[in-house]
């Protein structure tokens, strides 16, 4: 493992540990109950991933002396699968700990701050209701926004495979981006509890008829249950995305495009789709504009942090290049 990859892996592990420490500190004081099946599922996944790593190492060892074209292809494929499994071993516990934290942080009786967020939007001249009305009156535009918003989830598994099998794999870097952005998002959502623009403005169904029926409100029932103070049984595999401020859709969309900077044909096409997706976080995702701005700040800050960590060498921090270079770095 290269030193830069080791530092990135250490960053992911550090963020994961920090999440677990905070989770364990707040857990006894929270109404959130962690379903015992969570530990079984987590252990099962880690064991399967460990088995895949061992199997791929055996394949690489067995094929090491085969210099034929097929042999080299098998060895390279095994190495890529092993890289994917190793990074999954980092990602799964990090994801588990961050989702647990998200639920613990949401189980609070602190006042929601949507009024403040809406006021900040108004201060910069943005009217969420007017924007919803404008986009809803354009069925084709609304359909494109809905498609782009939900396309992000389909991009992720393809991206992970691409980053693992690319000539210059950047999978560990991307997982580190998820870890750092998750930590920043967790900190911000803790200080700014919010339910979203749909919950605050309460538009009628006719006002968003060209968007999905539960646009911006998928999380609301879960959030209200958590805020009620009643015992809540959490199964991480069935968790909802509860973060309103900042918009993690925005942060993730930017980081996905950044991760594709070595693949120009995907960089531009996915970049265009995710630019539309960021706009869609307002009428389809139910975010305030200030949520989107904060999500973009989280993405840029995470990219700068990860680049700095990866380029740190012998006690010196090298200046990070531009955030979106078109050449390979």
Protein backbone atom coordinates (compact mmCIF):
# COMPACT_ATOMS: atom_id res chain seq x y z
CA UNK A 1 0.00 0.00 0.00
CA UNK A 2 1.37 3.40 -0.99
CA UNK A 3 1.94 5.92 1.80
CA UNK A 4 -0.83 8.19 0.49
CA UNK A 5 -3.31 5.31 0.50
CA UNK A 6 -2.23 4.38 4.00
CA UNK A 7 -2.87 7.93 5.20
CA UNK A 8 -6.28 7.95 3.55
CA UNK A 9 -7.17 4.59 5.10
CA UNK A 10 -6.02 5.90 8.49
CA UNK A 11 -8.25 8.94 7.99
CA UNK A 12 -11.26 6.74 7.31
CA UNK A 13 -10.48 4.61 10.38
CA UNK A 14 -10.06 7.73 12.53
CA UNK A 15 -13.39 9.18 11.43
CA UNK A 16 -15.08 5.82 12.05
CA UNK A 17 -13.58 5.57 15.53
CA UNK A 18 -14.62 9.14 16.32
CA UNK A 19 -18.20 8.39 15.26
CA UNK A 20 -18.29 5.26 17.41
CA UNK A 21 -16.90 7.13 20.44
CA UNK A 22 -19.54 9.85 20.11
CA UNK A 23 -22.26 7.25 19.47
CA UNK A 24 -21.35 5.30 22.60
CA UNK A 25 -21.27 8.52 24.64
CA UNK A 26 -24.76 9.67 23.61
CA UNK A 27 -26.38 6.25 23.26
CA UNK A 28 -27.24 5.71 26.97
CA UNK A 29 -28.96 9.13 27.05
CA UNK A 30 -30.94 8.60 23.84
CA UNK A 31 -34.33 7.10 23.05
CA UNK A 32 -32.73 5.27 20.10
CA UNK A 33 -32.44 1.53 20.69
CA UNK A 34 -29.91 -0.29 18.53
CA UNK A 35 -31.48 -3.51 17.25
CA UNK A 36 -29.28 -6.50 18.15
CA UNK A 37 -29.52 -7.68 14.53
CA UNK A 38 -27.29 -4.77 13.56
CA UNK A 39 -24.22 -6.46 15.04
CA UNK A 40 -25.04 -9.75 13.35
CA UNK A 41 -25.45 -8.05 9.97
CA UNK A 42 -22.26 -6.03 10.41
CA UNK A 43 -20.24 -9.10 11.41
CA UNK A 44 -21.67 -11.13 8.53
CA UNK A 45 -20.69 -8.51 5.97
CA UNK A 46 -17.16 -8.14 7.37
CA UNK A 47 -16.65 -11.92 7.39
CA UNK A 48 -17.79 -12.19 3.76
CA UNK A 49 -15.50 -9.34 2.74
CA UNK A 50 -12.57 -10.91 4.59
CA UNK A 51 -13.23 -14.19 2.79
CA UNK A 52 -13.22 -12.39 -0.57
CA UNK A 53 -9.89 -10.73 0.28
CA UNK A 54 -8.31 -14.06 1.20
CA UNK A 55 -9.71 -15.74 -1.92
CA UNK A 56 -8.34 -13.00 -4.19
CA UNK A 57 -4.94 -13.19 -2.50
CA UNK A 58 -4.86 -16.93 -3.21
CA UNK A 59 -5.79 -16.30 -6.84
CA UNK A 60 -3.00 -13.72 -7.16
CA UNK A 61 -0.51 -16.11 -5.54
CA UNK A 62 -1.58 -19.00 -7.76
CA UNK A 63 -1.35 -16.96 -10.95
CA UNK A 64 1.78 -14.97 -10.03
CA UNK A 65 4.11 -16.90 -12.37
CA UNK A 66 1.69 -16.94 -15.29
CA UNK A 67 2.86 -14.13 -17.60
CA UNK A 68 0.38 -14.90 -20.35
CA UNK A 69 -2.19 -12.30 -21.35
CA UNK A 70 -5.00 -14.27 -19.70
CA UNK A 71 -2.91 -14.78 -16.57
CA UNK A 72 -2.14 -11.08 -16.26
CA UNK A 73 -5.82 -10.25 -16.79
CA UNK A 74 -6.89 -12.67 -14.05
CA UNK A 75 -4.24 -11.32 -11.66
CA UNK A 76 -5.25 -7.71 -12.33
CA UNK A 77 -8.94 -8.54 -11.87
CA UNK A 78 -8.22 -10.35 -8.60
CA UNK A 79 -6.22 -7.36 -7.35
CA UNK A 80 -9.08 -5.01 -8.22
CA UNK A 81 -11.66 -7.19 -6.47
CA UNK A 82 -9.37 -7.36 -3.43
CA UNK A 83 -9.06 -3.56 -3.45
CA UNK A 84 -12.83 -3.25 -3.64
CA UNK A 85 -13.31 -5.63 -0.70
CA UNK A 86 -10.61 -3.92 1.40
CA UNK A 87 -12.23 -0.55 0.91
CA UNK A 88 -15.62 -2.03 1.65
CA UNK A 89 -14.17 -3.18 4.98
CA UNK A 90 -13.41 0.47 5.68
CA UNK A 91 -16.68 1.81 4.30
CA UNK A 92 -19.14 -0.53 6.03
CA UNK A 93 -18.17 0.25 9.67
CA UNK A 94 -17.87 3.95 8.81
CA UNK A 95 -21.31 3.94 7.26
CA UNK A 96 -22.74 2.03 10.23
CA UNK A 97 -21.27 4.46 12.77
CA UNK A 98 -22.32 7.57 10.83
CA UNK A 99 -25.91 6.38 10.35
CA UNK A 100 -26.13 5.55 14.07
CA UNK A 101 -24.88 9.06 14.82
CA UNK A 102 -27.40 10.60 12.44
CA UNK A 103 -30.26 8.94 14.31
CA UNK A 104 -28.87 9.85 17.72
CA UNK A 105 -28.46 13.48 16.63
CA UNK A 106 -31.99 13.57 15.19
CA UNK A 107 -33.54 12.26 18.43
CA UNK A 108 -33.61 15.70 20.01
CA UNK A 109 -36.27 18.12 21.23
CA UNK A 110 -34.28 21.16 20.16
CA UNK A 111 -36.39 23.53 18.03
CA UNK A 112 -36.23 22.99 14.30
CA UNK A 113 -34.39 25.80 12.51
CA UNK A 114 -36.26 25.82 9.20
CA UNK A 115 -37.54 29.31 9.87
CA UNK A 116 -33.97 30.56 10.17
CA UNK A 117 -32.92 28.69 7.03
CA UNK A 118 -35.87 30.12 5.09
CA UNK A 119 -34.98 33.60 6.36
CA UNK A 120 -31.40 33.14 5.11
CA UNK A 121 -32.80 32.15 1.71
CA UNK A 122 -34.93 35.28 1.66
CA UNK A 123 -31.94 37.40 2.66
CA UNK A 124 -30.08 36.28 -0.47
CA UNK A 125 -33.16 36.80 -2.63
CA UNK A 126 -34.38 33.22 -3.03
CA UNK A 127 -38.10 32.34 -2.78
CA UNK A 128 -38.51 28.57 -2.40
CA UNK A 129 -42.28 28.61 -3.01
CA UNK A 130 -41.87 30.65 -6.18
CA UNK A 131 -39.14 28.30 -7.41
CA UNK A 132 -41.33 25.26 -6.74
CA UNK A 133 -44.19 26.90 -8.63
CA UNK A 134 -41.90 27.77 -11.56
CA UNK A 135 -40.45 24.28 -11.94
CA UNK A 136 -43.77 22.50 -11.36
CA UNK A 137 -45.34 24.43 -14.25
CA UNK A 138 -42.77 22.90 -16.62
CA UNK A 139 -43.51 19.14 -16.78
CA UNK A 140 -40.47 18.32 -18.91
CA UNK A 141 -38.15 20.30 -16.66
CA UNK A 142 -39.71 18.75 -13.56
CA UNK A 143 -39.28 15.26 -15.02
CA UNK A 144 -35.61 15.95 -15.74
CA UNK A 145 -35.10 17.19 -12.19
CA UNK A 146 -36.77 14.10 -10.71
CA UNK A 147 -34.65 11.81 -12.90
CA UNK A 148 -31.41 13.59 -12.00
CA UNK A 149 -32.17 13.58 -8.27
CA UNK A 150 -32.74 9.82 -8.11
CA UNK A 151 -29.95 9.01 -10.59
CA UNK A 152 -27.34 9.77 -7.93
CA UNK A 153 -28.04 6.53 -6.05
CA UNK A 154 -27.52 4.55 -9.27
CA UNK A 155 -24.21 6.28 -9.95
CA UNK A 156 -22.56 5.09 -6.75
CA UNK A 157 -22.20 1.31 -7.34
CA UNK A 158 -20.97 1.95 -10.89
CA UNK A 159 -18.49 4.53 -9.62
CA UNK A 160 -17.11 2.19 -6.95
CA UNK A 161 -16.50 -0.54 -9.52
CA UNK A 162 -14.92 1.91 -11.94
CA UNK A 163 -12.59 3.32 -9.29
CA UNK A 164 -11.53 -0.17 -8.24
CA UNK A 165 -10.82 -1.44 -11.76
CA UNK A 166 -9.35 1.75 -13.24
CA UNK A 167 -5.68 1.88 -14.28
CA UNK A 168 -5.14 4.45 -11.54
CA UNK A 169 -7.55 3.33 -8.78
CA UNK A 170 -8.87 6.12 -6.60
CA UNK A 171 -11.28 4.10 -4.53
CA UNK A 172 -9.63 4.73 -1.15
CA UNK A 173 -9.57 8.44 -1.93
CA UNK A 174 -13.33 8.41 -2.59
CA UNK A 175 -14.10 6.49 0.61
CA UNK A 176 -11.97 9.05 2.47
CA UNK A 177 -14.07 11.81 0.88
CA UNK A 178 -17.21 10.08 2.17
CA UNK A 179 -15.68 9.83 5.65
CA UNK A 180 -14.56 13.46 5.88
CA UNK A 181 -17.77 14.82 4.36
CA UNK A 182 -19.77 12.57 6.69
CA UNK A 183 -17.97 14.00 9.71
CA UNK A 184 -18.56 17.58 8.57
CA UNK A 185 -22.20 16.84 7.77
CA UNK A 186 -22.74 15.18 11.13
CA UNK A 187 -21.31 18.16 12.97
CA UNK A 188 -23.46 20.65 11.03
CA UNK A 189 -26.70 18.69 11.33
CA UNK A 190 -26.19 18.45 15.09
CA UNK A 191 -26.14 22.23 15.42
CA UNK A 192 -28.85 22.92 12.84
CA UNK A 193 -31.79 20.50 13.24
CA UNK A 194 -34.27 20.95 10.39
CA UNK A 195 -37.13 19.14 8.69
CA UNK A 196 -36.87 20.63 5.21
CA UNK A 197 -38.65 23.11 3.01
CA UNK A 198 -41.72 20.95 2.36
CA UNK A 199 -42.33 20.52 6.08
CA UNK A 200 -41.86 24.25 6.65
CA UNK A 201 -43.82 25.73 3.71
CA UNK A 202 -46.40 22.90 3.54
CA UNK A 203 -47.36 23.20 -0.15
CA UNK A 204 -50.51 21.45 -1.37
CA UNK A 205 -50.14 18.33 -3.57
CA UNK A 206 -51.24 20.32 -6.62
CA UNK A 207 -48.27 22.65 -6.07
CA UNK A 208 -45.77 19.83 -6.76
CA UNK A 209 -47.89 17.56 -8.95
CA UNK A 210 -45.05 17.02 -11.44
CA UNK A 211 -42.67 15.86 -8.72
CA UNK A 212 -42.93 12.64 -6.71
CA UNK A 213 -45.81 12.30 -4.27
CA UNK A 214 -43.52 12.37 -1.22
CA UNK A 215 -41.00 14.85 -2.58
CA UNK A 216 -38.81 16.12 0.22
CA UNK A 217 -40.84 14.28 2.84
CA UNK A 218 -39.54 10.68 2.72
CA UNK A 219 -37.77 11.22 6.01
CA UNK A 220 -40.41 13.25 7.84
CA UNK A 221 -42.34 10.48 9.63
CA UNK A 222 -39.09 8.89 10.82
CA UNK A 223 -37.78 12.25 11.99
CA UNK A 224 -40.92 13.05 13.96
CA UNK A 225 -40.84 9.63 15.64
CA UNK A 226 -37.27 10.30 16.73
CA UNK A 227 -38.11 13.78 18.00
CA UNK A 228 -41.11 12.50 19.97
CA UNK A 229 -38.82 11.00 22.63
CA UNK A 230 -40.48 7.58 22.38
CA UNK A 231 -38.22 4.50 22.14
CA UNK A 232 -37.04 4.01 18.57
CA UNK A 233 -35.65 0.68 17.36
CA UNK A 234 -32.91 1.31 14.80
CA UNK A 235 -31.97 -1.22 12.15
CA UNK A 236 -29.23 0.46 10.14
CA UNK A 237 -29.97 -1.43 6.93
CA UNK A 238 -33.43 0.20 6.89
CA UNK A 239 -32.32 3.69 7.83
CA UNK A 240 -33.66 6.81 6.12
CA UNK A 241 -31.59 9.82 5.15
CA UNK A 242 -32.49 12.35 7.85
CA UNK A 243 -30.03 15.14 7.06
CA UNK A 244 -31.57 18.37 5.79
CA UNK A 245 -28.83 20.86 6.58
CA UNK A 246 -26.44 20.57 4.83
CA UNK A 247 -27.65 18.93 1.61
CA UNK A 248 -25.62 15.73 1.39
CA UNK A 249 -27.04 15.07 -2.08
CA UNK A 250 -25.23 18.22 -3.18
CA UNK A 251 -21.98 17.25 -1.47
CA UNK A 252 -22.08 13.72 -2.85
CA UNK A 253 -22.90 14.89 -6.37
CA UNK A 254 -19.85 17.16 -6.42
CA UNK A 255 -17.57 14.50 -4.96
CA UNK A 256 -18.71 11.91 -7.52
CA UNK A 257 -17.80 14.26 -10.36
CA UNK A 258 -14.44 15.01 -8.74
CA UNK A 259 -13.73 11.28 -8.44
CA UNK A 260 -14.21 10.95 -12.21
CA UNK A 261 -11.59 13.57 -13.13
CA UNK A 262 -9.37 10.92 -14.77
CA UNK A 263 -12.23 9.87 -17.07
CA UNK A 264 -13.08 12.92 -19.18
CA UNK A 265 -15.97 11.37 -21.07
CA UNK A 266 -17.67 10.52 -17.77
CA UNK A 267 -16.48 13.68 -16.01
CA UNK A 268 -18.46 15.93 -18.35
CA UNK A 269 -21.56 13.76 -18.81
CA UNK A 270 -21.96 12.94 -15.12
CA UNK A 271 -21.06 16.53 -14.30
CA UNK A 272 -23.99 17.78 -16.38
CA UNK A 273 -26.39 15.28 -14.80
CA UNK A 274 -25.25 16.16 -11.29
CA UNK A 275 -25.48 19.88 -11.99
CA UNK A 276 -29.16 19.29 -12.76
CA UNK A 277 -29.35 17.06 -9.68
CA UNK A 278 -28.12 19.88 -7.45
CA UNK A 279 -30.92 22.10 -8.77
CA UNK A 280 -33.37 19.25 -8.13
CA UNK A 281 -32.47 19.15 -4.44
CA UNK A 282 -34.69 22.22 -4.04
CA UNK A 283 -38.06 21.06 -5.50
CA UNK A 284 -37.59 17.26 -5.33
CA UNK A 285 -35.27 16.93 -2.35
CA UNK A 286 -37.09 19.61 -0.38
CA UNK A 287 -33.97 21.52 0.60
CA UNK A 288 -33.64 25.20 1.34
CA UNK A 289 -31.13 26.95 -0.91
CA UNK A 290 -28.85 27.53 2.08
CA UNK A 291 -28.77 23.73 2.58
CA UNK A 292 -27.45 23.36 -0.96
CA UNK A 293 -24.82 26.06 -0.47
CA UNK A 294 -23.69 24.39 2.76
CA UNK A 295 -23.54 21.01 0.97
CA UNK A 296 -21.29 22.49 -1.71
CA UNK A 297 -19.03 23.94 1.00
CA UNK A 298 -18.83 20.51 2.66
CA UNK A 299 -17.83 18.93 -0.65
CA UNK A 300 -15.11 21.46 -1.42
CA UNK A 301 -13.76 21.37 2.16
CA UNK A 302 -13.66 17.55 2.03
CA UNK A 303 -11.84 17.53 -1.30
CA UNK A 304 -9.25 20.02 -0.05
CA UNK A 305 -8.78 18.04 3.19
CA UNK A 306 -8.37 14.70 1.41
CA UNK A 307 -5.98 16.13 -1.17
CA UNK A 308 -3.92 17.65 1.64
CA UNK A 309 -3.81 14.36 3.54
CA UNK A 310 -2.87 12.40 0.41
CA UNK A 311 -0.09 14.82 -0.55
CA UNK A 312 1.42 15.15 2.92
CA UNK A 313 5.01 13.93 2.81
CA UNK A 314 7.89 14.06 5.28
CA UNK A 315 6.29 16.67 7.47
CA UNK A 316 5.47 19.05 4.62
CA UNK A 317 2.05 19.81 3.22
CA UNK A 318 2.10 20.50 -0.48
CA UNK A 319 -0.31 23.01 -1.96
CA UNK A 320 -3.36 21.31 -3.38
CA UNK A 321 -3.97 21.80 -7.12
CA UNK A 322 -7.27 23.11 -8.46
CA UNK A 323 -10.31 21.23 -7.21
CA UNK A 324 -11.39 20.10 -10.68
CA UNK A 325 -8.22 19.63 -12.78
CA UNK A 326 -8.82 18.22 -16.25
CA UNK A 327 -5.44 16.51 -16.32
CA UNK A 328 -4.53 13.52 -14.24
CA UNK A 329 -2.97 14.41 -10.92
